[in-house]
């Protein structure tokens, strides 16, 4: 049996440094991802003025039988707020376990929401 390898364009690094505060980042991402998805869990760690927020989102595509998840970690431990995400998914099928690139679109949504606030290398120092 011949193996088929699907090749997708390489997604940019799933981490951004932004000029927004951690809570504002969380609110913007939450608004975008819960439009047609849901928040599964949100965990916050606070240490004085600094915080880490970890949120897990899920989206189900009924027609394709795919479930996508996005885990988003936001921290303001350094001079800028850092947002990192990991997305994945698969189908309900017992034979097919890939998402046809839909998980990448979840990550693209996060990047799109924050792109105007992204700090460039020269701004970070």
PDB file of N, CA and C in Angstrom:
ATOM      1  N   UNK A   1       0.832  -1.170   0.000  1.00  0.00           N
ATOM      2  CA  UNK A   1       0.000   0.000   0.000  1.00  0.00           C
ATOM      3  C   UNK A   1       0.884   1.243   0.000  1.00  0.00           C
ATOM      4  N   UNK A   2       0.582   2.165  -0.871  1.00  0.00           N
ATOM      5  CA  UNK A   2       1.360   3.387  -0.990  1.00  0.00           C
ATOM      6  C   UNK A   2       0.929   4.390   0.080  1.00  0.00           C
ATOM      7  N   UNK A   3       1.912   4.983   0.769  1.00  0.00           N
ATOM      8  CA  UNK A   3       1.619   5.978   1.796  1.00  0.00           C
ATOM      9  C   UNK A   3       1.496   7.345   1.166  1.00  0.00           C
ATOM     10  N   UNK A   4       0.542   8.115   1.652  1.00  0.00           N
ATOM     11  CA  UNK A   4       0.345   9.483   1.192  1.00  0.00           C
ATOM     12  C   UNK A   4       0.749  10.408   2.324  1.00  0.00           C
ATOM     13  N   UNK A   5       1.602  11.370   2.015  1.00  0.00           N
ATOM     14  CA  UNK A   5       2.030  12.341   3.008  1.00  0.00           C
ATOM     15  C   UNK A   5       1.458  13.693   2.637  1.00  0.00           C
ATOM     16  N   UNK A   6       0.674  14.269   3.557  1.00  0.00           N
ATOM     17  CA  UNK A   6       0.105  15.589   3.326  1.00  0.00           C
ATOM     18  C   UNK A   6       1.115  16.637   3.770  1.00  0.00           C
ATOM     19  N   UNK A   7       1.327  17.626   2.930  1.00  0.00           N
ATOM     20  CA  UNK A   7       2.288  18.680   3.234  1.00  0.00           C
ATOM     21  C   UNK A   7       1.538  20.006   3.274  1.00  0.00           C
ATOM     22  N   UNK A   8       1.652  20.675   4.403  1.00  0.00           N
ATOM     23  CA  UNK A   8       1.039  21.985   4.571  1.00  0.00           C
ATOM     24  C   UNK A   8       2.146  23.018   4.696  1.00  0.00           C
ATOM     25  N   UNK A   9       1.851  24.264   4.338  1.00  0.00           N
ATOM     26  CA  UNK A   9       2.852  25.313   4.554  1.00  0.00           C
ATOM     27  C   UNK A   9       3.167  25.413   6.044  1.00  0.00           C
ATOM     28  N   UNK A  10       4.425  25.673   6.376  1.00  0.00           N
ATOM     29  CA  UNK A  10       4.829  25.762   7.778  1.00  0.00           C
ATOM     30  C   UNK A  10       4.178  26.969   8.432  1.00  0.00           C
ATOM     31  N   UNK A  11       3.459  26.705   9.512  1.00  0.00           N
ATOM     32  CA  UNK A  11       2.812  27.762  10.290  1.00  0.00           C
ATOM     33  C   UNK A  11       3.879  28.543  11.030  1.00  0.00           C
ATOM     34  N   UNK A  12       3.749  29.884  11.110  1.00  0.00           N
ATOM     35  CA  UNK A  12       4.711  30.668  11.884  1.00  0.00           C
ATOM     36  C   UNK A  12       4.727  30.210  13.346  1.00  0.00           C
ATOM     37  N   UNK A  13       5.789  30.550  14.024  1.00  0.00           N
ATOM     38  CA  UNK A  13       5.940  30.211  15.441  1.00  0.00           C
ATOM     39  C   UNK A  13       4.669  30.594  16.209  1.00  0.00           C
ATOM     40  N   UNK A  14       4.114  29.675  17.001  1.00  0.00           N
ATOM     41  CA  UNK A  14       2.852  29.962  17.695  1.00  0.00           C
ATOM     42  C   UNK A  14       3.038  30.758  18.985  1.00  0.00           C
ATOM     43  N   UNK A  15       3.874  31.772  18.955  1.00  0.00           N
ATOM     44  CA  UNK A  15       4.102  32.636  20.105  1.00  0.00           C
ATOM     45  C   UNK A  15       4.202  34.076  19.632  1.00  0.00           C
ATOM     46  N   UNK A  16       3.517  34.960  20.330  1.00  0.00           N
ATOM     47  CA  UNK A  16       3.601  36.385  20.038  1.00  0.00           C
ATOM     48  C   UNK A  16       3.923  37.139  21.318  1.00  0.00           C
ATOM     49  N   UNK A  17       4.645  38.236  21.176  1.00  0.00           N
ATOM     50  CA  UNK A  17       4.825  39.197  22.259  1.00  0.00           C
ATOM     51  C   UNK A  17       4.015  40.409  21.848  1.00  0.00           C
ATOM     52  N   UNK A  18       3.139  40.848  22.754  1.00  0.00           N
ATOM     53  CA  UNK A  18       2.210  41.916  22.406  1.00  0.00           C
ATOM     54  C   UNK A  18       2.238  43.042  23.430  1.00  0.00           C
ATOM     55  N   UNK A  19       1.718  44.196  23.017  1.00  0.00           N
ATOM     56  CA  UNK A  19       1.705  45.373  23.889  1.00  0.00           C
ATOM     57  C   UNK A  19       0.489  45.415  24.806  1.00  0.00           C
ATOM     58  N   UNK A  20      -0.454  44.515  24.644  1.00  0.00           N
ATOM     59  CA  UNK A  20      -1.633  44.451  25.504  1.00  0.00           C
ATOM     60  C   UNK A  20      -1.297  43.794  26.831  1.00  0.00           C
ATOM     61  N   UNK A  21      -2.108  44.047  27.842  1.00  0.00           N
ATOM     62  CA  UNK A  21      -1.972  43.346  29.109  1.00  0.00           C
ATOM     63  C   UNK A  21      -2.516  41.929  28.984  1.00  0.00           C
ATOM     64  N   UNK A  22      -2.186  41.078  29.932  1.00  0.00           N
ATOM     65  CA  UNK A  22      -2.594  39.667  29.889  1.00  0.00           C
ATOM     66  C   UNK A  22      -4.111  39.511  29.865  1.00  0.00           C
ATOM     67  N   UNK A  23      -4.806  40.265  30.691  1.00  0.00           N
ATOM     68  CA  UNK A  23      -6.270  40.144  30.753  1.00  0.00           C
ATOM     69  C   UNK A  23      -6.929  40.617  29.464  1.00  0.00           C
ATOM     70  N   UNK A  24      -6.418  41.689  28.871  1.00  0.00           N
ATOM     71  CA  UNK A  24      -6.957  42.170  27.605  1.00  0.00           C
ATOM     72  C   UNK A  24      -6.735  41.142  26.491  1.00  0.00           C
ATOM     73  N   UNK A  25      -5.573  40.501  26.473  1.00  0.00           N
ATOM     74  CA  UNK A  25      -5.306  39.420  25.502  1.00  0.00           C
ATOM     75  C   UNK A  25      -6.300  38.284  25.682  1.00  0.00           C
ATOM     76  N   UNK A  26      -6.486  37.880  26.927  1.00  0.00           N
ATOM     77  CA  UNK A  26      -7.408  36.779  27.213  1.00  0.00           C
ATOM     78  C   UNK A  26      -8.809  37.122  26.727  1.00  0.00           C
ATOM     79  N   UNK A  27      -9.264  38.332  26.995  1.00  0.00           N
ATOM     80  CA  UNK A  27     -10.611  38.740  26.597  1.00  0.00           C
ATOM     81  C   UNK A  27     -10.779  38.747  25.075  1.00  0.00           C
ATOM     82  N   UNK A  28      -9.790  39.246  24.363  1.00  0.00           N
ATOM     83  CA  UNK A  28      -9.876  39.300  22.895  1.00  0.00           C
ATOM     84  C   UNK A  28      -9.868  37.892  22.290  1.00  0.00           C
ATOM     85  N   UNK A  29      -8.995  37.039  22.773  1.00  0.00           N
ATOM     86  CA  UNK A  29      -8.935  35.664  22.276  1.00  0.00           C
ATOM     87  C   UNK A  29     -10.222  34.920  22.619  1.00  0.00           C
ATOM     88  N   UNK A  30     -10.691  35.102  23.848  1.00  0.00           N
ATOM     89  CA  UNK A  30     -11.930  34.447  24.290  1.00  0.00           C
ATOM     90  C   UNK A  30     -13.102  34.846  23.395  1.00  0.00           C
ATOM     91  N   UNK A  31     -13.222  36.122  23.099  1.00  0.00           N
ATOM     92  CA  UNK A  31     -14.304  36.601  22.239  1.00  0.00           C
ATOM     93  C   UNK A  31     -14.244  35.949  20.859  1.00  0.00           C
ATOM     94  N   UNK A  32     -13.043  35.853  20.307  1.00  0.00           N
ATOM     95  CA  UNK A  32     -12.876  35.275  18.965  1.00  0.00           C
ATOM     96  C   UNK A  32     -13.159  33.774  18.935  1.00  0.00           C
ATOM     97  N   UNK A  33     -12.625  33.049  19.901  1.00  0.00           N
ATOM     98  CA  UNK A  33     -12.718  31.584  19.855  1.00  0.00           C
ATOM     99  C   UNK A  33     -14.043  31.036  20.372  1.00  0.00           C
ATOM    100  N   UNK A  34     -14.793  31.819  21.130  1.00  0.00           N
ATOM    101  CA  UNK A  34     -16.086  31.324  21.606  1.00  0.00           C
ATOM    102  C   UNK A  34     -17.233  31.752  20.706  1.00  0.00           C
ATOM    103  N   UNK A  35     -16.918  32.435  19.608  1.00  0.00           N
ATOM    104  CA  UNK A  35     -17.961  32.793  18.651  1.00  0.00           C
ATOM    105  C   UNK A  35     -18.657  31.526  18.141  1.00  0.00           C
ATOM    106  N   UNK A  36     -17.878  30.528  17.770  1.00  0.00           N
ATOM    107  CA  UNK A  36     -18.454  29.248  17.355  1.00  0.00           C
ATOM    108  C   UNK A  36     -17.742  28.076  18.037  1.00  0.00           C
ATOM    109  N   UNK A  37     -17.191  28.339  19.196  1.00  0.00           N
ATOM    110  CA  UNK A  37     -16.549  27.298  19.997  1.00  0.00           C
ATOM    111  C   UNK A  37     -16.898  27.525  21.453  1.00  0.00           C
ATOM    112  N   UNK A  38     -16.237  26.785  22.336  1.00  0.00           N
ATOM    113  CA  UNK A  38     -16.528  26.991  23.761  1.00  0.00           C
ATOM    114  C   UNK A  38     -15.254  26.875  24.585  1.00  0.00           C
ATOM    115  N   UNK A  39     -15.283  27.526  25.724  1.00  0.00           N
ATOM    116  CA  UNK A  39     -14.188  27.462  26.675  1.00  0.00           C
ATOM    117  C   UNK A  39     -14.373  26.210  27.522  1.00  0.00           C
ATOM    118  N   UNK A  40     -13.371  25.331  27.522  1.00  0.00           N
ATOM    119  CA  UNK A  40     -13.436  24.134  28.346  1.00  0.00           C
ATOM    120  C   UNK A  40     -12.922  24.398  29.757  1.00  0.00           C
ATOM    121  N   UNK A  41     -11.856  25.193  29.869  1.00  0.00           N
ATOM    122  CA  UNK A  41     -11.282  25.468  31.178  1.00  0.00           C
ATOM    123  C   UNK A  41     -10.375  26.691  31.090  1.00  0.00           C
ATOM    124  N   UNK A  42     -10.281  27.405  32.207  1.00  0.00           N
ATOM    125  CA  UNK A  42      -9.368  28.539  32.314  1.00  0.00           C
ATOM    126  C   UNK A  42      -8.737  28.484  33.694  1.00  0.00           C
ATOM    127  N   UNK A  43      -7.414  28.514  33.739  1.00  0.00           N
ATOM    128  CA  UNK A  43      -6.693  28.441  35.010  1.00  0.00           C
ATOM    129  C   UNK A  43      -5.767  29.653  35.101  1.00  0.00           C
ATOM    130  N   UNK A  44      -5.779  30.309  36.260  1.00  0.00           N
ATOM    131  CA  UNK A  44      -4.960  31.505  36.458  1.00  0.00           C
ATOM    132  C   UNK A  44      -4.018  31.297  37.628  1.00  0.00           C
ATOM    133  N   UNK A  45      -2.802  31.754  37.450  1.00  0.00           N
ATOM    134  CA  UNK A  45      -1.819  31.800  38.530  1.00  0.00           C
ATOM    135  C   UNK A  45      -1.421  33.251  38.695  1.00  0.00           C
ATOM    136  N   UNK A  46      -1.464  33.750  39.931  1.00  0.00           N
ATOM    137  CA  UNK A  46      -1.156  35.142  40.202  1.00  0.00           C
ATOM    138  C   UNK A  46      -0.011  35.202  41.208  1.00  0.00           C
ATOM    139  N   UNK A  47       0.965  36.061  40.917  1.00  0.00           N
ATOM    140  CA  UNK A  47       2.075  36.306  41.840  1.00  0.00           C
ATOM    141  C   UNK A  47       2.313  37.806  41.871  1.00  0.00           C
ATOM    142  N   UNK A  48       1.693  38.472  42.825  1.00  0.00           N
ATOM    143  CA  UNK A  48       1.784  39.926  42.864  1.00  0.00           C
ATOM    144  C   UNK A  48       1.097  40.528  41.660  1.00  0.00           C
ATOM    145  N   UNK A  49       1.815  41.341  40.913  1.00  0.00           N
ATOM    146  CA  UNK A  49       1.270  41.984  39.705  1.00  0.00           C
ATOM    147  C   UNK A  49       1.354  41.076  38.474  1.00  0.00           C
ATOM    148  N   UNK A  50       2.129  40.015  38.557  1.00  0.00           N
ATOM    149  CA  UNK A  50       2.353  39.128  37.403  1.00  0.00           C
ATOM    150  C   UNK A  50       1.337  37.992  37.407  1.00  0.00           C
ATOM    151  N   UNK A  51       1.020  37.495  36.210  1.00  0.00           N
ATOM    152  CA  UNK A  51       0.071  36.384  36.123  1.00  0.00           C
ATOM    153  C   UNK A  51       0.319  35.508  34.908  1.00  0.00           C
ATOM    154  N   UNK A  52      -0.188  34.298  35.014  1.00  0.00           N
ATOM    155  CA  UNK A  52      -0.191  33.336  33.918  1.00  0.00           C
ATOM    156  C   UNK A  52      -1.629  32.850  33.778  1.00  0.00           C
ATOM    157  N   UNK A  53      -2.125  32.858  32.550  1.00  0.00           N
ATOM    158  CA  UNK A  53      -3.487  32.402  32.268  1.00  0.00           C
ATOM    159  C   UNK A  53      -3.397  31.283  31.237  1.00  0.00           C
ATOM    160  N   UNK A  54      -3.969  30.132  31.556  1.00  0.00           N
ATOM    161  CA  UNK A  54      -3.995  29.004  30.624  1.00  0.00           C
ATOM    162  C   UNK A  54      -5.462  28.691  30.329  1.00  0.00           C
ATOM    163  N   UNK A  55      -5.846  28.763  29.052  1.00  0.00           N
ATOM    164  CA  UNK A  55      -7.227  28.503  28.633  1.00  0.00           C
ATOM    165  C   UNK A  55      -7.248  27.406  27.587  1.00  0.00           C
ATOM    166  N   UNK A  56      -8.276  26.567  27.647  1.00  0.00           N
ATOM    167  CA  UNK A  56      -8.446  25.495  26.669  1.00  0.00           C
ATOM    168  C   UNK A  56      -9.802  25.690  25.992  1.00  0.00           C
ATOM    169  N   UNK A  57      -9.768  25.789  24.671  1.00  0.00           N
ATOM    170  CA  UNK A  57     -10.975  25.996  23.876  1.00  0.00           C
ATOM    171  C   UNK A  57     -11.224  24.781  22.992  1.00  0.00           C
ATOM    172  N   UNK A  58     -12.490  24.596  22.626  1.00  0.00           N
ATOM    173  CA  UNK A  58     -12.862  23.476  21.761  1.00  0.00           C
ATOM    174  C   UNK A  58     -13.872  23.968  20.730  1.00  0.00           C
ATOM    175  N   UNK A  59     -13.755  23.428  19.547  1.00  0.00           N
ATOM    176  CA  UNK A  59     -14.716  23.701  18.483  1.00  0.00           C
ATOM    177  C   UNK A  59     -15.050  22.372  17.814  1.00  0.00           C
ATOM    178  N   UNK A  60     -16.323  22.126  17.598  1.00  0.00           N
ATOM    179  CA  UNK A  60     -16.769  20.894  16.948  1.00  0.00           C
ATOM    180  C   UNK A  60     -17.369  21.233  15.598  1.00  0.00           C
ATOM    181  N   UNK A  61     -16.882  20.557  14.565  1.00  0.00           N
ATOM    182  CA  UNK A  61     -17.426  20.709  13.225  1.00  0.00           C
ATOM    183  C   UNK A  61     -18.326  19.519  12.951  1.00  0.00           C
ATOM    184  N   UNK A  62     -19.632  19.734  13.080  1.00  0.00           N
ATOM    185  CA  UNK A  62     -20.615  18.659  12.972  1.00  0.00           C
ATOM    186  C   UNK A  62     -20.565  17.948  11.621  1.00  0.00           C
ATOM    187  N   UNK A  63     -20.526  18.708  10.535  1.00  0.00           N
ATOM    188  CA  UNK A  63     -20.573  18.124   9.196  1.00  0.00           C
ATOM    189  C   UNK A  63     -19.380  17.199   8.936  1.00  0.00           C
ATOM    190  N   UNK A  64     -18.198  17.615   9.375  1.00  0.00           N
ATOM    191  CA  UNK A  64     -16.995  16.814   9.146  1.00  0.00           C
ATOM    192  C   UNK A  64     -16.705  15.858  10.299  1.00  0.00           C
ATOM    193  N   UNK A  65     -17.372  16.035  11.429  1.00  0.00           N
ATOM    194  CA  UNK A  65     -17.114  15.186  12.582  1.00  0.00           C
ATOM    195  C   UNK A  65     -15.756  15.453  13.216  1.00  0.00           C
ATOM    196  N   UNK A  66     -15.257  16.684  13.105  1.00  0.00           N
ATOM    197  CA  UNK A  66     -13.951  17.042  13.663  1.00  0.00           C
ATOM    198  C   UNK A  66     -14.106  17.810  14.966  1.00  0.00           C
ATOM    199  N   UNK A  67     -13.205  17.537  15.897  1.00  0.00           N
ATOM    200  CA  UNK A  67     -13.118  18.307  17.126  1.00  0.00           C
ATOM    201  C   UNK A  67     -11.748  18.967  17.140  1.00  0.00           C
ATOM    202  N   UNK A  68     -11.731  20.274  17.343  1.00  0.00           N
ATOM    203  CA  UNK A  68     -10.474  21.019  17.420  1.00  0.00           C
ATOM    204  C   UNK A  68     -10.321  21.569  18.825  1.00  0.00           C
ATOM    205  N   UNK A  69      -9.086  21.620  19.284  1.00  0.00           N
ATOM    206  CA  UNK A  69      -8.805  22.251  20.569  1.00  0.00           C
ATOM    207  C   UNK A  69      -7.677  23.256  20.390  1.00  0.00           C
ATOM    208  N   UNK A  70      -7.711  24.264  21.239  1.00  0.00           N
ATOM    209  CA  UNK A  70      -6.637  25.253  21.292  1.00  0.00           C
ATOM    210  C   UNK A  70      -6.325  25.482  22.762  1.00  0.00           C
ATOM    211  N   UNK A  71      -5.070  25.309  23.121  1.00  0.00           N
ATOM    212  CA  UNK A  71      -4.608  25.629  24.467  1.00  0.00           C
ATOM    213  C   UNK A  71      -3.793  26.899  24.353  1.00  0.00           C
ATOM    214  N   UNK A  72      -4.216  27.926  25.085  1.00  0.00           N
ATOM    215  CA  UNK A  72      -3.590  29.244  24.997  1.00  0.00           C
ATOM    216  C   UNK A  72      -2.990  29.588  26.354  1.00  0.00           C
ATOM    217  N   UNK A  73      -1.702  29.922  26.360  1.00  0.00           N
ATOM    218  CA  UNK A  73      -1.017  30.344  27.583  1.00  0.00           C
ATOM    219  C   UNK A  73      -0.599  31.801  27.417  1.00  0.00           C
ATOM    220  N   UNK A  74      -1.008  32.619  28.366  1.00  0.00           N
ATOM    221  CA  UNK A  74      -0.701  34.051  28.349  1.00  0.00           C
ATOM    222  C   UNK A  74       0.040  34.375  29.632  1.00  0.00           C
ATOM    223  N   UNK A  75       1.168  35.085  29.519  1.00  0.00           N
ATOM    224  CA  UNK A  75       1.869  35.511  30.729  1.00  0.00           C
ATOM    225  C   UNK A  75       2.425  36.912  30.555  1.00  0.00           C
ATOM    226  N   UNK A  76       2.543  37.608  31.660  1.00  0.00           N
ATOM    227  CA  UNK A  76       3.155  38.936  31.659  1.00  0.00           C
ATOM    228  C   UNK A  76       4.340  38.948  32.624  1.00  0.00           C
ATOM    229  N   UNK A  77       5.098  37.867  32.618  1.00  0.00           N
ATOM    230  CA  UNK A  77       6.218  37.708  33.534  1.00  0.00           C
ATOM    231  C   UNK A  77       7.410  38.576  33.168  1.00  0.00           C
ATOM    232  N   UNK A  78       7.497  38.971  31.899  1.00  0.00           N
ATOM    233  CA  UNK A  78       8.615  39.795  31.442  1.00  0.00           C
ATOM    234  C   UNK A  78       8.099  41.183  31.090  1.00  0.00           C
ATOM    235  N   UNK A  79       8.849  41.931  30.320  1.00  0.00           N
ATOM    236  CA  UNK A  79       8.464  43.291  29.976  1.00  0.00           C
ATOM    237  C   UNK A  79       7.263  43.376  29.036  1.00  0.00           C
ATOM    238  N   UNK A  80       7.014  42.350  28.241  1.00  0.00           N
ATOM    239  CA  UNK A  80       5.874  42.327  27.327  1.00  0.00           C
ATOM    240  C   UNK A  80       5.013  41.105  27.642  1.00  0.00           C
ATOM    241  N   UNK A  81       3.759  41.172  27.245  1.00  0.00           N
ATOM    242  CA  UNK A  81       2.865  40.027  27.420  1.00  0.00           C
ATOM    243  C   UNK A  81       3.176  39.007  26.338  1.00  0.00           C
ATOM    244  N   UNK A  82       3.331  37.759  26.746  1.00  0.00           N
ATOM    245  CA  UNK A  82       3.633  36.679  25.805  1.00  0.00           C
ATOM    246  C   UNK A  82       2.403  35.791  25.690  1.00  0.00           C
ATOM    247  N   UNK A  83       2.050  35.442  24.436  1.00  0.00           N
ATOM    248  CA  UNK A  83       0.917  34.567  24.152  1.00  0.00           C
ATOM    249  C   UNK A  83       1.441  33.386  23.353  1.00  0.00           C
ATOM    250  N   UNK A  84       1.204  32.185  23.853  1.00  0.00           N
ATOM    251  CA  UNK A  84       1.634  30.960  23.168  1.00  0.00           C
ATOM    252  C   UNK A  84       0.419  30.055  23.037  1.00  0.00           C
ATOM    253  N   UNK A  85       0.298  29.360  21.896  1.00  0.00           N
ATOM    254  CA  UNK A  85      -0.838  28.469  21.701  1.00  0.00           C
ATOM    255  C   UNK A  85      -0.402  27.178  21.029  1.00  0.00           C
ATOM    256  N   UNK A  86      -1.193  26.146  21.303  1.00  0.00           N
ATOM    257  CA  UNK A  86      -1.015  24.847  20.657  1.00  0.00           C
ATOM    258  C   UNK A  86      -2.403  24.364  20.254  1.00  0.00           C
ATOM    259  N   UNK A  87      -2.558  24.005  18.989  1.00  0.00           N
ATOM    260  CA  UNK A  87      -3.852  23.584  18.466  1.00  0.00           C
ATOM    261  C   UNK A  87      -3.746  22.173  17.920  1.00  0.00           C
ATOM    262  N   UNK A  88      -4.818  21.438  18.024  1.00  0.00           N
ATOM    263  CA  UNK A  88      -4.839  20.079  17.500  1.00  0.00           C
ATOM    264  C   UNK A  88      -6.268  19.645  17.286  1.00  0.00           C
ATOM    265  N   UNK A  89      -6.411  18.515  16.668  1.00  0.00           N
ATOM    266  CA  UNK A  89      -7.761  18.016  16.441  1.00  0.00           C
ATOM    267  C   UNK A  89      -7.743  16.727  15.668  1.00  0.00           C
ATOM    268  N   UNK A  90      -8.893  16.221  15.440  1.00  0.00           N
ATOM    269  CA  UNK A  90      -9.043  14.980  14.702  1.00  0.00           C
ATOM    270  C   UNK A  90     -10.505  14.711  14.447  1.00  0.00           C
ATOM    271  N   UNK A  91     -10.767  13.593  13.830  1.00  0.00           N
ATOM    272  CA  UNK A  91     -12.140  13.261  13.474  1.00  0.00           C
ATOM    273  C   UNK A  91     -12.670  12.154  14.369  1.00  0.00           C
ATOM    274  N   UNK A  92     -13.983  11.929  14.270  1.00  0.00           N
ATOM    275  CA  UNK A  92     -14.623  10.847  15.020  1.00  0.00           C
ATOM    276  C   UNK A  92     -14.368   9.484  14.386  1.00  0.00           C
ATOM    277  N   UNK A  93     -13.852   9.480  13.194  1.00  0.00           N
ATOM    278  CA  UNK A  93     -13.659   8.238  12.463  1.00  0.00           C
ATOM    279  C   UNK A  93     -12.600   7.354  13.118  1.00  0.00           C
ATOM    280  N   UNK A  94     -12.859   6.064  13.131  1.00  0.00           N
ATOM    281  CA  UNK A  94     -11.891   5.113  13.675  1.00  0.00           C
ATOM    282  C   UNK A  94     -10.723   4.914  12.710  1.00  0.00           C
ATOM    283  N   UNK A  95     -10.907   5.256  11.434  1.00  0.00           N
ATOM    284  CA  UNK A  95      -9.881   5.022  10.433  1.00  0.00           C
ATOM    285  C   UNK A  95      -9.058   6.263  10.110  1.00  0.00           C
ATOM    286  N   UNK A  96      -9.650   7.426  10.232  1.00  0.00           N
ATOM    287  CA  UNK A  96      -8.986   8.651   9.824  1.00  0.00           C
ATOM    288  C   UNK A  96      -8.816   9.555  11.032  1.00  0.00           C
ATOM    289  N   UNK A  97      -7.570   9.931  11.333  1.00  0.00           N
ATOM    290  CA  UNK A  97      -7.300  10.768  12.501  1.00  0.00           C
ATOM    291  C   UNK A  97      -6.479  11.997  12.135  1.00  0.00           C
ATOM    292  N   UNK A  98      -6.924  12.756  11.160  1.00  0.00           N
ATOM    293  CA  UNK A  98      -6.267  14.020  10.873  1.00  0.00           C
ATOM    294  C   UNK A  98      -7.329  15.074  10.618  1.00  0.00           C
ATOM    295  N   UNK A  99      -6.952  16.326  10.721  1.00  0.00           N
ATOM    296  CA  UNK A  99      -7.932  17.406  10.742  1.00  0.00           C
ATOM    297  C   UNK A  99      -7.984  18.229   9.460  1.00  0.00           C
ATOM    298  N   UNK A 100      -7.297  17.824   8.410  1.00  0.00           N
ATOM    299  CA  UNK A 100      -7.291  18.514   7.128  1.00  0.00           C
ATOM    300  C   UNK A 100      -6.819  19.959   7.271  1.00  0.00           C
ATOM    301  N   UNK A 101      -5.981  20.246   8.246  1.00  0.00           N
ATOM    302  CA  UNK A 101      -5.434  21.589   8.425  1.00  0.00           C
ATOM    303  C   UNK A 101      -6.314  22.536   9.216  1.00  0.00           C
ATOM    304  N   UNK A 102      -7.441  22.059   9.723  1.00  0.00           N
ATOM    305  CA  UNK A 102      -8.359  22.941  10.452  1.00  0.00           C
ATOM    306  C   UNK A 102      -7.742  23.459  11.749  1.00  0.00           C
ATOM    307  N   UNK A 103      -6.892  22.679  12.395  1.00  0.00           N
ATOM    308  CA  UNK A 103      -6.261  23.138  13.642  1.00  0.00           C
ATOM    309  C   UNK A 103      -5.397  24.368  13.380  1.00  0.00           C
ATOM    310  N   UNK A 104      -4.766  24.426  12.226  1.00  0.00           N
ATOM    311  CA  UNK A 104      -3.962  25.607  11.884  1.00  0.00           C
ATOM    312  C   UNK A 104      -4.828  26.861  11.797  1.00  0.00           C
ATOM    313  N   UNK A 105      -6.073  26.690  11.341  1.00  0.00           N
ATOM    314  CA  UNK A 105      -6.943  27.861  11.231  1.00  0.00           C
ATOM    315  C   UNK A 105      -7.310  28.402  12.615  1.00  0.00           C
ATOM    316  N   UNK A 106      -7.384  27.529  13.610  1.00  0.00           N
ATOM    317  CA  UNK A 106      -7.627  27.958  14.990  1.00  0.00           C
ATOM    318  C   UNK A 106      -6.480  28.873  15.433  1.00  0.00           C
ATOM    319  N   UNK A 107      -5.251  28.461  15.174  1.00  0.00           N
ATOM    320  CA  UNK A 107      -4.083  29.269  15.512  1.00  0.00           C
ATOM    321  C   UNK A 107      -4.036  30.568  14.731  1.00  0.00           C
ATOM    322  N   UNK A 108      -4.462  30.520  13.485  1.00  0.00           N
ATOM    323  CA  UNK A 108      -4.489  31.715  12.655  1.00  0.00           C
ATOM    324  C   UNK A 108      -5.449  32.750  13.226  1.00  0.00           C
ATOM    325  N   UNK A 109      -6.560  32.295  13.795  1.00  0.00           N
ATOM    326  CA  UNK A 109      -7.512  33.217  14.418  1.00  0.00           C
ATOM    327  C   UNK A 109      -6.868  33.956  15.585  1.00  0.00           C
ATOM    328  N   UNK A 110      -6.110  33.241  16.403  1.00  0.00           N
ATOM    329  CA  UNK A 110      -5.442  33.861  17.548  1.00  0.00           C
ATOM    330  C   UNK A 110      -4.455  34.914  17.058  1.00  0.00           C
ATOM    331  N   UNK A 111      -3.651  34.552  16.062  1.00  0.00           N
ATOM    332  CA  UNK A 111      -2.666  35.488  15.513  1.00  0.00           C
ATOM    333  C   UNK A 111      -3.356  36.720  14.940  1.00  0.00           C
ATOM    334  N   UNK A 112      -4.458  36.530  14.229  1.00  0.00           N
ATOM    335  CA  UNK A 112      -5.174  37.636  13.594  1.00  0.00           C
ATOM    336  C   UNK A 112      -5.705  38.621  14.636  1.00  0.00           C
ATOM    337  N   UNK A 113      -6.233  38.119  15.737  1.00  0.00           N
ATOM    338  CA  UNK A 113      -6.800  38.969  16.784  1.00  0.00           C
ATOM    339  C   UNK A 113      -5.728  39.854  17.421  1.00  0.00           C
ATOM    340  N   UNK A 114      -4.490  39.348  17.500  1.00  0.00           N
ATOM    341  CA  UNK A 114      -3.435  40.066  18.213  1.00  0.00           C
ATOM    342  C   UNK A 114      -2.407  40.746  17.316  1.00  0.00           C
ATOM    343  N   UNK A 115      -2.476  40.550  16.008  1.00  0.00           N
ATOM    344  CA  UNK A 115      -1.408  41.002  15.114  1.00  0.00           C
ATOM    345  C   UNK A 115      -1.151  42.507  15.175  1.00  0.00           C
ATOM    346  N   UNK A 116      -2.166  43.316  15.366  1.00  0.00           N
ATOM    347  CA  UNK A 116      -1.926  44.759  15.405  1.00  0.00           C
ATOM    348  C   UNK A 116      -1.212  45.202  16.686  1.00  0.00           C
ATOM    349  N   UNK A 117      -1.157  44.316  17.692  1.00  0.00           N
ATOM    350  CA  UNK A 117      -0.488  44.632  18.953  1.00  0.00           C
ATOM    351  C   UNK A 117       0.865  43.929  19.088  1.00  0.00           C
ATOM    352  N   UNK A 118       1.244  43.173  18.053  1.00  0.00           N
ATOM    353  CA  UNK A 118       2.506  42.418  18.114  1.00  0.00           C
ATOM    354  C   UNK A 118       3.686  43.365  18.170  1.00  0.00           C
ATOM    355  N   UNK A 119       4.618  43.056  19.064  1.00  0.00           N
ATOM    356  CA  UNK A 119       5.858  43.828  19.184  1.00  0.00           C
ATOM    357  C   UNK A 119       6.887  43.217  18.246  1.00  0.00           C
ATOM    358  N   UNK A 120       7.512  44.043  17.481  1.00  0.00           N
ATOM    359  CA  UNK A 120       8.578  43.575  16.579  1.00  0.00           C
ATOM    360  C   UNK A 120       9.865  43.453  17.363  1.00  0.00           C
ATOM    361  N   UNK A 121      10.846  42.783  16.815  1.00  0.00           N
ATOM    362  CA  UNK A 121      12.123  42.555  17.496  1.00  0.00           C
ATOM    363  C   UNK A 121      12.752  43.856  17.988  1.00  0.00           C
ATOM    364  N   UNK A 122      12.705  44.901  17.196  1.00  0.00           N
ATOM    365  CA  UNK A 122      13.327  46.166  17.596  1.00  0.00           C
ATOM    366  C   UNK A 122      12.598  46.809  18.776  1.00  0.00           C
ATOM    367  N   UNK A 123      11.276  46.570  18.892  1.00  0.00           N
ATOM    368  CA  UNK A 123      10.506  47.124  19.998  1.00  0.00           C
ATOM    369  C   UNK A 123      10.758  46.368  21.299  1.00  0.00           C
ATOM    370  N   UNK A 124      11.130  45.078  21.186  1.00  0.00           N
ATOM    371  CA  UNK A 124      11.353  44.250  22.374  1.00  0.00           C
ATOM    372  C   UNK A 124      12.695  44.547  23.015  1.00  0.00           C
ATOM    373  N   UNK A 125      13.636  44.998  22.225  1.00  0.00           N
ATOM    374  CA  UNK A 125      14.965  45.296  22.740  1.00  0.00           C
ATOM    375  C   UNK A 125      15.980  44.259  22.434  1.00  0.00           C
TER     376      UNK A 125
END
